[in-house]
Amino acid sequence: MNRCLVPIVAAVASLGLQGAPSAAHDALPDKPLHVPVIGSEGQAIGMAVFEQTAAGVLIDVGVKGLTQGEHAFHIHARGTCNPEGGFKSAGGHFAPGERVHGIKDTAGPHAGDMPNQFVGSDGSLRAQVLNSAVTLAAGGNALMDADGSALVIHAGADDYVSQPSGAAGPRVACAVIFGPRKN
């Protein structure tokens, strides 16, 4: 089991955040969602797969071309990934409710906060993370809201406490999970 899978499940479960589907939610999506991850130059650098499970959303990501070391790994509030703006188009962290940033903050975490991921010397990131605070189905903490959502990888590690985003540095990769809804 990936070393990052257990901490996020335990941290989020202990907070009682809503997100896993229940009888009040629509049916679970029947197929995993495959989305390309793009780098800061707009090039495809990998793939992320989002799969709804009874326990939350399982994120399976494979990316190449990153720098070695720890990188912050978050779900952001808007489903746009504009590399020309440093992926600022993705907005802040996906944060429904009254929580603040940080797995280590007593008033946190945001639903989009997840553990740092480690990139090896070959520049590759391969990880599976279960986020039990979000859902692909309709309802509370749904990633498919009016402005969509995106997965963002930062240049540095999240310190898990600094506001509003963990002092993780620039955004170096982005994947649109759901784009904004068209009216």
N, C-alpha and C. Protein backbone atom coordinates (compact mmCIF):
# COMPACT_ATOMS: atom_id res chain seq x y z
N MET A 1 0.85 -1.18 0.00
CA MET A 1 0.00 0.00 0.00
C MET A 1 0.89 1.23 0.00
N ASN A 2 0.51 2.23 -0.79
CA ASN A 2 1.27 3.47 -0.86
C ASN A 2 1.30 4.12 0.51
N ARG A 3 2.47 4.61 0.92
CA ARG A 3 2.61 5.19 2.25
C ARG A 3 1.76 6.43 2.45
N CYS A 4 1.28 7.05 1.38
CA CYS A 4 0.48 8.26 1.48
C CYS A 4 -1.01 7.97 1.57
N LEU A 5 -1.43 6.77 1.26
CA LEU A 5 -2.84 6.44 1.24
C LEU A 5 -3.44 6.43 2.64
N VAL A 6 -2.80 5.79 3.59
CA VAL A 6 -3.34 5.66 4.93
C VAL A 6 -3.43 6.99 5.67
N PRO A 7 -2.41 7.87 5.63
CA PRO A 7 -2.52 9.12 6.38
C PRO A 7 -3.70 10.00 5.96
N ILE A 8 -3.96 10.12 4.68
CA ILE A 8 -5.07 11.00 4.27
C ILE A 8 -6.41 10.40 4.66
N VAL A 9 -6.55 9.09 4.55
CA VAL A 9 -7.80 8.46 4.96
C VAL A 9 -8.02 8.67 6.45
N ALA A 10 -6.98 8.44 7.26
CA ALA A 10 -7.11 8.59 8.70
C ALA A 10 -7.35 10.05 9.09
N ALA A 11 -6.61 10.97 8.48
CA ALA A 11 -6.76 12.38 8.82
C ALA A 11 -8.14 12.89 8.46
N VAL A 12 -8.61 12.59 7.28
CA VAL A 12 -9.91 13.09 6.84
C VAL A 12 -11.04 12.38 7.58
N ALA A 13 -10.93 11.09 7.78
CA ALA A 13 -11.98 10.34 8.47
C ALA A 13 -12.15 10.84 9.91
N SER A 14 -11.04 11.20 10.55
CA SER A 14 -11.12 11.66 11.93
C SER A 14 -11.81 13.01 12.04
N LEU A 15 -11.87 13.76 10.94
CA LEU A 15 -12.50 15.07 10.96
C LEU A 15 -13.99 15.01 10.66
N GLY A 16 -14.48 13.87 10.21
CA GLY A 16 -15.90 13.72 9.92
C GLY A 16 -16.36 14.53 8.73
N LEU A 17 -15.46 14.80 7.77
CA LEU A 17 -15.86 15.56 6.59
C LEU A 17 -16.80 14.74 5.73
N GLN A 18 -17.72 15.44 5.10
CA GLN A 18 -18.64 14.79 4.19
C GLN A 18 -18.00 14.70 2.83
N GLY A 19 -18.30 13.69 2.08
CA GLY A 19 -17.76 13.58 0.74
C GLY A 19 -18.01 12.23 0.13
N ALA A 20 -17.91 11.18 0.90
CA ALA A 20 -18.18 9.86 0.36
C ALA A 20 -19.66 9.76 0.04
N PRO A 21 -20.02 9.11 -1.05
CA PRO A 21 -21.42 9.03 -1.43
C PRO A 21 -22.27 8.34 -0.37
N SER A 22 -23.50 8.76 -0.29
CA SER A 22 -24.46 8.14 0.62
C SER A 22 -25.78 8.03 -0.12
N ALA A 23 -26.81 7.61 0.57
CA ALA A 23 -28.11 7.47 -0.05
C ALA A 23 -28.62 8.81 -0.59
N ALA A 24 -28.15 9.92 -0.02
CA ALA A 24 -28.58 11.24 -0.46
C ALA A 24 -27.91 11.67 -1.76
N HIS A 25 -26.82 11.02 -2.15
CA HIS A 25 -26.10 11.38 -3.37
C HIS A 25 -26.63 10.61 -4.57
N ASP A 26 -26.33 11.14 -5.74
CA ASP A 26 -26.65 10.42 -6.96
C ASP A 26 -25.81 9.14 -7.01
N ALA A 27 -26.10 8.29 -7.97
CA ALA A 27 -25.33 7.06 -8.14
C ALA A 27 -23.87 7.39 -8.44
N LEU A 28 -22.99 6.49 -8.05
CA LEU A 28 -21.57 6.68 -8.31
C LEU A 28 -21.30 6.65 -9.81
N PRO A 29 -20.34 7.47 -10.28
CA PRO A 29 -19.95 7.36 -11.68
C PRO A 29 -19.49 5.92 -11.95
N ASP A 30 -19.88 5.38 -13.10
CA ASP A 30 -19.59 3.97 -13.35
C ASP A 30 -18.23 3.73 -14.01
N LYS A 31 -17.53 4.78 -14.42
CA LYS A 31 -16.22 4.60 -15.04
C LYS A 31 -15.23 5.57 -14.43
N PRO A 32 -13.97 5.14 -14.31
CA PRO A 32 -12.94 6.08 -13.85
C PRO A 32 -12.79 7.24 -14.83
N LEU A 33 -12.41 8.37 -14.32
CA LEU A 33 -12.20 9.58 -15.11
C LEU A 33 -10.70 9.73 -15.37
N HIS A 34 -10.28 9.69 -16.64
CA HIS A 34 -8.87 9.84 -17.02
C HIS A 34 -8.64 11.26 -17.50
N VAL A 35 -7.69 11.97 -16.88
CA VAL A 35 -7.42 13.35 -17.27
C VAL A 35 -5.91 13.55 -17.46
N PRO A 36 -5.54 14.28 -18.52
CA PRO A 36 -4.12 14.54 -18.74
C PRO A 36 -3.58 15.56 -17.74
N VAL A 37 -2.33 15.38 -17.34
CA VAL A 37 -1.63 16.33 -16.49
C VAL A 37 -0.71 17.12 -17.41
N ILE A 38 -0.77 18.45 -17.30
CA ILE A 38 0.10 19.27 -18.14
C ILE A 38 1.13 19.99 -17.28
N GLY A 39 2.30 20.23 -17.89
CA GLY A 39 3.39 20.93 -17.22
C GLY A 39 3.33 22.42 -17.47
N SER A 40 4.28 23.14 -16.91
CA SER A 40 4.28 24.60 -16.96
C SER A 40 4.46 25.18 -18.36
N GLU A 41 4.90 24.37 -19.30
CA GLU A 41 5.02 24.82 -20.69
C GLU A 41 3.80 24.41 -21.52
N GLY A 42 2.80 23.82 -20.89
CA GLY A 42 1.59 23.40 -21.58
C GLY A 42 1.65 22.01 -22.19
N GLN A 43 2.75 21.31 -21.98
CA GLN A 43 2.96 19.98 -22.55
C GLN A 43 2.35 18.90 -21.64
N ALA A 44 1.88 17.81 -22.26
CA ALA A 44 1.38 16.67 -21.49
C ALA A 44 2.56 15.99 -20.80
N ILE A 45 2.45 15.79 -19.49
CA ILE A 45 3.53 15.14 -18.75
C ILE A 45 3.06 13.92 -17.97
N GLY A 46 1.79 13.59 -18.10
CA GLY A 46 1.31 12.42 -17.39
C GLY A 46 -0.20 12.29 -17.43
N MET A 47 -0.71 11.42 -16.59
CA MET A 47 -2.13 11.12 -16.55
C MET A 47 -2.55 10.93 -15.09
N ALA A 48 -3.76 11.39 -14.79
CA ALA A 48 -4.35 11.15 -13.48
C ALA A 48 -5.69 10.47 -13.70
N VAL A 49 -5.97 9.48 -12.89
CA VAL A 49 -7.23 8.74 -12.98
C VAL A 49 -7.96 8.94 -11.66
N PHE A 50 -9.21 9.37 -11.76
CA PHE A 50 -10.06 9.60 -10.59
C PHE A 50 -11.17 8.57 -10.62
N GLU A 51 -11.28 7.83 -9.52
CA GLU A 51 -12.30 6.77 -9.45
C GLU A 51 -13.08 6.91 -8.15
N GLN A 52 -14.39 7.00 -8.28
CA GLN A 52 -15.25 7.05 -7.11
C GLN A 52 -15.31 5.69 -6.46
N THR A 53 -15.09 5.64 -5.17
CA THR A 53 -15.23 4.40 -4.40
C THR A 53 -16.20 4.69 -3.25
N ALA A 54 -16.59 3.68 -2.55
CA ALA A 54 -17.48 3.87 -1.40
C ALA A 54 -16.81 4.69 -0.31
N ALA A 55 -15.47 4.75 -0.29
CA ALA A 55 -14.73 5.47 0.74
C ALA A 55 -14.29 6.86 0.31
N GLY A 56 -14.52 7.25 -0.94
CA GLY A 56 -14.09 8.55 -1.43
C GLY A 56 -13.53 8.41 -2.84
N VAL A 57 -12.70 9.37 -3.24
CA VAL A 57 -12.14 9.36 -4.59
C VAL A 57 -10.70 8.86 -4.54
N LEU A 58 -10.46 7.79 -5.30
CA LEU A 58 -9.12 7.24 -5.43
C LEU A 58 -8.45 7.95 -6.61
N ILE A 59 -7.30 8.56 -6.35
CA ILE A 59 -6.55 9.28 -7.37
C ILE A 59 -5.28 8.49 -7.66
N ASP A 60 -5.14 8.08 -8.92
CA ASP A 60 -3.97 7.32 -9.37
C ASP A 60 -3.25 8.22 -10.37
N VAL A 61 -2.04 8.63 -10.03
CA VAL A 61 -1.34 9.61 -10.87
C VAL A 61 0.04 9.10 -11.27
N GLY A 62 0.38 9.35 -12.52
CA GLY A 62 1.70 9.07 -13.05
C GLY A 62 2.16 10.29 -13.85
N VAL A 63 3.27 10.90 -13.43
CA VAL A 63 3.77 12.13 -14.05
C VAL A 63 5.28 12.01 -14.21
N LYS A 64 5.80 12.57 -15.31
CA LYS A 64 7.25 12.62 -15.54
C LYS A 64 7.67 14.07 -15.75
N GLY A 65 8.95 14.34 -15.54
CA GLY A 65 9.49 15.66 -15.82
C GLY A 65 9.45 16.64 -14.67
N LEU A 66 9.26 16.15 -13.45
CA LEU A 66 9.28 17.01 -12.27
C LEU A 66 10.66 16.98 -11.63
N THR A 67 10.91 17.91 -10.72
CA THR A 67 12.18 17.90 -9.99
C THR A 67 12.10 16.91 -8.83
N GLN A 68 13.24 16.35 -8.48
CA GLN A 68 13.31 15.39 -7.38
C GLN A 68 12.93 16.06 -6.07
N GLY A 69 12.25 15.31 -5.21
CA GLY A 69 11.91 15.79 -3.88
C GLY A 69 10.42 15.76 -3.61
N GLU A 70 10.04 16.38 -2.49
CA GLU A 70 8.63 16.41 -2.09
C GLU A 70 7.90 17.54 -2.79
N HIS A 71 6.67 17.24 -3.18
CA HIS A 71 5.82 18.22 -3.87
C HIS A 71 4.43 18.21 -3.24
N ALA A 72 3.89 19.42 -3.02
CA ALA A 72 2.51 19.53 -2.56
C ALA A 72 1.58 19.02 -3.65
N PHE A 73 0.47 18.44 -3.24
CA PHE A 73 -0.46 17.72 -4.11
C PHE A 73 -1.86 18.07 -3.62
N HIS A 74 -2.57 18.94 -4.35
CA HIS A 74 -3.86 19.45 -3.89
C HIS A 74 -4.92 19.39 -4.97
N ILE A 75 -6.17 19.39 -4.54
CA ILE A 75 -7.29 19.63 -5.45
C ILE A 75 -7.63 21.11 -5.30
N HIS A 76 -7.71 21.81 -6.44
CA HIS A 76 -8.01 23.24 -6.44
C HIS A 76 -9.45 23.49 -6.89
N ALA A 77 -9.94 24.68 -6.60
CA ALA A 77 -11.36 25.00 -6.68
C ALA A 77 -11.92 25.24 -8.07
N ARG A 78 -11.09 25.51 -9.07
CA ARG A 78 -11.62 25.78 -10.41
C ARG A 78 -11.02 24.84 -11.43
N GLY A 79 -11.83 24.43 -12.36
CA GLY A 79 -11.43 23.47 -13.39
C GLY A 79 -10.82 24.12 -14.61
N THR A 80 -9.78 24.91 -14.41
CA THR A 80 -9.03 25.48 -15.52
C THR A 80 -7.55 25.39 -15.21
N CYS A 81 -6.75 25.10 -16.23
CA CYS A 81 -5.30 24.95 -16.07
C CYS A 81 -4.59 25.77 -17.14
N ASN A 82 -4.38 27.04 -16.89
CA ASN A 82 -3.71 27.92 -17.83
C ASN A 82 -2.23 28.03 -17.46
N PRO A 83 -1.33 27.37 -18.21
CA PRO A 83 0.09 27.42 -17.85
C PRO A 83 0.68 28.82 -17.97
N GLU A 84 0.13 29.66 -18.85
CA GLU A 84 0.66 31.02 -19.02
C GLU A 84 0.52 31.85 -17.74
N GLY A 85 -0.43 31.54 -16.93
CA GLY A 85 -0.62 32.25 -15.67
C GLY A 85 -0.09 31.47 -14.49
N GLY A 86 0.78 30.49 -14.73
CA GLY A 86 1.31 29.68 -13.63
C GLY A 86 0.25 28.84 -12.95
N PHE A 87 -0.78 28.48 -13.70
CA PHE A 87 -1.90 27.68 -13.22
C PHE A 87 -2.71 28.37 -12.12
N LYS A 88 -2.55 29.68 -11.99
CA LYS A 88 -3.36 30.44 -11.02
C LYS A 88 -4.84 30.36 -11.37
N SER A 89 -5.14 30.04 -12.64
CA SER A 89 -6.53 29.92 -13.09
C SER A 89 -7.29 28.84 -12.31
N ALA A 90 -6.57 27.90 -11.68
CA ALA A 90 -7.21 26.84 -10.90
C ALA A 90 -7.72 27.34 -9.55
N GLY A 91 -7.43 28.60 -9.22
CA GLY A 91 -7.91 29.17 -7.97
C GLY A 91 -7.21 28.58 -6.75
N GLY A 92 -7.81 28.81 -5.59
CA GLY A 92 -7.27 28.28 -4.34
C GLY A 92 -7.67 26.82 -4.15
N HIS A 93 -7.37 26.30 -2.99
CA HIS A 93 -7.70 24.91 -2.70
C HIS A 93 -9.21 24.71 -2.69
N PHE A 94 -9.63 23.51 -3.07
CA PHE A 94 -11.03 23.11 -2.97
C PHE A 94 -11.34 23.05 -1.48
N ALA A 95 -12.19 23.98 -1.02
CA ALA A 95 -12.37 24.14 0.42
C ALA A 95 -13.81 24.47 0.81
N PRO A 96 -14.77 23.58 0.51
CA PRO A 96 -16.13 23.86 0.98
C PRO A 96 -16.18 23.79 2.51
N GLY A 97 -17.04 24.57 3.11
CA GLY A 97 -17.17 24.55 4.57
C GLY A 97 -16.26 25.58 5.23
N GLU A 98 -16.10 25.44 6.50
CA GLU A 98 -15.39 26.43 7.31
C GLU A 98 -13.96 26.02 7.68
N ARG A 99 -13.40 25.06 7.02
CA ARG A 99 -12.06 24.60 7.36
C ARG A 99 -11.00 25.49 6.76
N VAL A 100 -9.79 25.46 7.34
CA VAL A 100 -8.65 26.20 6.82
C VAL A 100 -7.64 25.20 6.26
N HIS A 101 -6.59 25.72 5.63
CA HIS A 101 -5.59 24.84 5.05
C HIS A 101 -4.80 24.11 6.14
N GLY A 102 -4.45 22.87 5.84
CA GLY A 102 -3.46 22.18 6.64
C GLY A 102 -3.92 20.93 7.35
N ILE A 103 -3.30 19.83 7.00
CA ILE A 103 -3.56 18.56 7.67
C ILE A 103 -3.19 18.64 9.15
N LYS A 104 -2.19 19.50 9.49
CA LYS A 104 -1.76 19.63 10.88
C LYS A 104 -2.44 20.77 11.62
N ASP A 105 -3.29 21.53 10.95
CA ASP A 105 -3.99 22.64 11.60
C ASP A 105 -5.25 22.10 12.26
N THR A 106 -5.52 22.50 13.50
CA THR A 106 -6.68 21.98 14.22
C THR A 106 -8.00 22.41 13.58
N ALA A 107 -8.00 23.47 12.77
CA ALA A 107 -9.21 23.92 12.07
C ALA A 107 -9.23 23.43 10.62
N GLY A 108 -8.32 22.54 10.26
CA GLY A 108 -8.21 22.05 8.89
C GLY A 108 -8.55 20.58 8.83
N PRO A 109 -8.35 20.00 7.70
CA PRO A 109 -7.83 20.53 6.46
C PRO A 109 -8.94 20.91 5.48
N HIS A 110 -8.53 21.61 4.40
CA HIS A 110 -9.44 21.79 3.27
C HIS A 110 -9.75 20.41 2.71
N ALA A 111 -10.88 20.26 2.04
CA ALA A 111 -11.19 18.98 1.39
C ALA A 111 -10.15 18.65 0.31
N GLY A 112 -9.54 19.66 -0.28
CA GLY A 112 -8.54 19.44 -1.33
C GLY A 112 -7.12 19.23 -0.83
N ASP A 113 -6.89 19.32 0.47
CA ASP A 113 -5.55 19.09 1.02
C ASP A 113 -5.24 17.60 1.04
N MET A 114 -4.07 17.26 0.52
CA MET A 114 -3.63 15.86 0.52
C MET A 114 -2.15 15.82 0.87
N PRO A 115 -1.63 14.65 1.23
CA PRO A 115 -0.22 14.55 1.61
C PRO A 115 0.72 14.87 0.44
N ASN A 116 1.90 15.39 0.80
CA ASN A 116 2.95 15.61 -0.18
C ASN A 116 3.28 14.31 -0.88
N GLN A 117 3.74 14.42 -2.11
CA GLN A 117 4.15 13.26 -2.89
C GLN A 117 5.63 13.39 -3.21
N PHE A 118 6.33 12.27 -3.29
CA PHE A 118 7.77 12.27 -3.52
C PHE A 118 8.09 11.92 -4.97
N VAL A 119 8.93 12.74 -5.57
CA VAL A 119 9.40 12.52 -6.93
C VAL A 119 10.83 12.01 -6.84
N GLY A 120 11.09 10.89 -7.52
CA GLY A 120 12.42 10.28 -7.51
C GLY A 120 13.42 11.02 -8.38
N SER A 121 14.65 10.54 -8.37
CA SER A 121 15.75 11.17 -9.12
C SER A 121 15.51 11.16 -10.63
N ASP A 122 14.62 10.28 -11.10
CA ASP A 122 14.32 10.23 -12.53
C ASP A 122 13.22 11.22 -12.93
N GLY A 123 12.72 12.01 -11.96
CA GLY A 123 11.70 13.01 -12.25
C GLY A 123 10.29 12.46 -12.35
N SER A 124 10.11 11.21 -11.92
CA SER A 124 8.80 10.56 -12.03
C SER A 124 8.06 10.53 -10.70
N LEU A 125 6.77 10.76 -10.79
CA LEU A 125 5.86 10.63 -9.66
C LEU A 125 4.85 9.55 -10.01
N ARG A 126 4.73 8.57 -9.16
CA ARG A 126 3.74 7.51 -9.31
C ARG A 126 3.12 7.31 -7.95
N ALA A 127 1.81 7.58 -7.82
CA ALA A 127 1.17 7.50 -6.51
C ALA A 127 -0.31 7.18 -6.64
N GLN A 128 -0.86 6.65 -5.56
CA GLN A 128 -2.29 6.47 -5.39
C GLN A 128 -2.65 7.12 -4.05
N VAL A 129 -3.64 7.99 -4.08
CA VAL A 129 -4.09 8.68 -2.88
C VAL A 129 -5.60 8.57 -2.82
N LEU A 130 -6.13 8.23 -1.66
CA LEU A 130 -7.57 8.20 -1.45
C LEU A 130 -7.96 9.46 -0.69
N ASN A 131 -8.82 10.27 -1.28
CA ASN A 131 -9.32 11.46 -0.61
C ASN A 131 -10.78 11.20 -0.25
N SER A 132 -11.03 10.96 1.03
CA SER A 132 -12.38 10.64 1.48
C SER A 132 -13.20 11.89 1.77
N ALA A 133 -12.65 13.08 1.51
CA ALA A 133 -13.37 14.33 1.75
C ALA A 133 -14.04 14.89 0.50
N VAL A 134 -13.89 14.20 -0.64
CA VAL A 134 -14.47 14.68 -1.89
C VAL A 134 -15.24 13.56 -2.57
N THR A 135 -16.04 13.94 -3.57
CA THR A 135 -16.80 12.96 -4.33
C THR A 135 -16.89 13.38 -5.79
N LEU A 136 -16.99 12.41 -6.67
CA LEU A 136 -17.26 12.66 -8.08
C LEU A 136 -18.76 12.68 -8.34
N ALA A 137 -19.53 12.17 -7.38
CA ALA A 137 -20.99 12.16 -7.49
C ALA A 137 -21.54 13.52 -7.07
N ALA A 138 -22.80 13.76 -7.32
CA ALA A 138 -23.44 15.00 -6.89
C ALA A 138 -23.56 15.01 -5.37
N GLY A 139 -23.66 16.19 -4.80
CA GLY A 139 -23.85 16.29 -3.37
C GLY A 139 -22.76 17.10 -2.71
N GLY A 140 -22.68 17.01 -1.39
CA GLY A 140 -21.68 17.75 -0.62
C GLY A 140 -20.26 17.40 -1.05
N ASN A 141 -19.42 18.41 -1.15
CA ASN A 141 -18.01 18.28 -1.52
C ASN A 141 -17.81 17.66 -2.90
N ALA A 142 -18.77 17.87 -3.80
CA ALA A 142 -18.68 17.36 -5.16
C ALA A 142 -17.65 18.16 -5.96
N LEU A 143 -16.75 17.46 -6.64
CA LEU A 143 -15.74 18.10 -7.48
C LEU A 143 -16.35 18.65 -8.76
N MET A 144 -17.52 18.15 -9.15
CA MET A 144 -18.19 18.60 -10.36
C MET A 144 -19.23 19.67 -9.98
N ASP A 145 -18.74 20.81 -9.48
CA ASP A 145 -19.64 21.91 -9.16
C ASP A 145 -19.61 22.92 -10.31
N ALA A 146 -20.19 24.08 -10.12
CA ALA A 146 -20.34 25.05 -11.21
C ALA A 146 -19.04 25.49 -11.84
N ASP A 147 -17.97 25.63 -11.05
CA ASP A 147 -16.70 26.08 -11.62
C ASP A 147 -15.68 24.96 -11.78
N GLY A 148 -16.08 23.72 -11.57
CA GLY A 148 -15.21 22.58 -11.78
C GLY A 148 -14.15 22.44 -10.71
N SER A 149 -13.07 21.70 -11.03
CA SER A 149 -11.98 21.47 -10.08
C SER A 149 -10.76 20.98 -10.85
N ALA A 150 -9.60 21.11 -10.22
CA ALA A 150 -8.34 20.70 -10.86
C ALA A 150 -7.40 20.09 -9.83
N LEU A 151 -6.55 19.20 -10.28
CA LEU A 151 -5.47 18.66 -9.47
C LEU A 151 -4.23 19.50 -9.77
N VAL A 152 -3.54 19.96 -8.72
CA VAL A 152 -2.35 20.79 -8.91
C VAL A 152 -1.18 20.20 -8.13
N ILE A 153 -0.02 20.19 -8.77
CA ILE A 153 1.23 19.79 -8.13
C ILE A 153 2.09 21.04 -8.03
N HIS A 154 2.63 21.29 -6.85
CA HIS A 154 3.44 22.48 -6.59
C HIS A 154 4.93 22.15 -6.66
N ALA A 155 5.77 23.18 -6.78
CA ALA A 155 7.22 23.02 -6.87
C ALA A 155 7.83 22.50 -5.58
N GLY A 156 7.26 22.87 -4.45
CA GLY A 156 7.81 22.48 -3.15
C GLY A 156 6.82 21.71 -2.31
N ALA A 157 7.26 21.36 -1.13
CA ALA A 157 6.44 20.61 -0.19
C ALA A 157 5.47 21.52 0.53
N ASP A 158 4.33 20.99 0.88
CA ASP A 158 3.34 21.64 1.73
C ASP A 158 3.82 21.47 3.17
N ASP A 159 3.85 22.56 3.94
CA ASP A 159 4.25 22.44 5.35
C ASP A 159 3.08 22.05 6.25
N TYR A 160 1.89 21.90 5.66
CA TYR A 160 0.68 21.43 6.32
C TYR A 160 0.07 22.42 7.33
N VAL A 161 0.62 23.63 7.46
CA VAL A 161 0.05 24.59 8.40
C VAL A 161 -0.06 26.01 7.85
N SER A 162 0.85 26.48 7.01
CA SER A 162 0.83 27.87 6.54
C SER A 162 -0.44 28.15 5.74
N GLN A 163 -0.97 29.37 5.93
CA GLN A 163 -2.20 29.77 5.26
C GLN A 163 -1.86 30.66 4.07
N PRO A 164 -2.57 30.55 2.96
CA PRO A 164 -3.73 29.70 2.77
C PRO A 164 -3.41 28.39 2.07
N SER A 165 -2.11 28.14 1.74
CA SER A 165 -1.84 26.96 0.90
C SER A 165 -0.59 26.17 1.24
N GLY A 166 -0.02 26.36 2.41
CA GLY A 166 1.08 25.51 2.84
C GLY A 166 2.46 25.92 2.39
N ALA A 167 2.64 27.15 1.90
CA ALA A 167 3.96 27.65 1.48
C ALA A 167 4.64 26.69 0.51
N ALA A 168 3.86 26.16 -0.43
CA ALA A 168 4.35 25.12 -1.33
C ALA A 168 5.00 25.64 -2.60
N GLY A 169 5.02 26.93 -2.81
CA GLY A 169 5.67 27.48 -3.98
C GLY A 169 4.82 27.44 -5.24
N PRO A 170 5.47 27.73 -6.37
CA PRO A 170 4.74 27.80 -7.64
C PRO A 170 4.06 26.48 -8.00
N ARG A 171 3.07 26.61 -8.87
CA ARG A 171 2.34 25.45 -9.39
C ARG A 171 3.07 24.98 -10.64
N VAL A 172 3.46 23.70 -10.68
CA VAL A 172 4.27 23.20 -11.80
C VAL A 172 3.54 22.22 -12.70
N ALA A 173 2.39 21.72 -12.26
CA ALA A 173 1.61 20.79 -13.08
C ALA A 173 0.15 20.91 -12.68
N CYS A 174 -0.73 20.63 -13.66
CA CYS A 174 -2.17 20.82 -13.41
C CYS A 174 -2.96 19.85 -14.29
N ALA A 175 -4.08 19.39 -13.77
CA ALA A 175 -4.99 18.52 -14.52
C ALA A 175 -6.42 18.94 -14.23
N VAL A 176 -7.20 19.24 -15.26
CA VAL A 176 -8.60 19.60 -15.08
C VAL A 176 -9.37 18.32 -14.76
N ILE A 177 -9.97 18.26 -13.58
CA ILE A 177 -10.80 17.12 -13.21
C ILE A 177 -12.16 17.30 -13.86
N PHE A 178 -12.80 18.42 -13.61
CA PHE A 178 -14.03 18.82 -14.27
C PHE A 178 -13.89 20.27 -14.65
N GLY A 179 -14.26 20.62 -15.88
CA GLY A 179 -14.24 22.01 -16.31
C GLY A 179 -15.47 22.73 -15.79
N PRO A 180 -15.45 24.07 -15.88
CA PRO A 180 -16.63 24.84 -15.45
C PRO A 180 -17.85 24.44 -16.28
N ARG A 181 -19.02 24.46 -15.63
CA ARG A 181 -20.26 24.14 -16.33
C ARG A 181 -20.62 25.27 -17.25
N LYS A 182 -21.12 24.91 -18.41
CA LYS A 182 -21.59 25.91 -19.37
C LYS A 182 -23.09 26.09 -19.15
N ASN A 183 -23.52 27.34 -19.07
CA ASN A 183 -24.95 27.61 -18.86
C ASN A 183 -25.73 27.55 -20.13
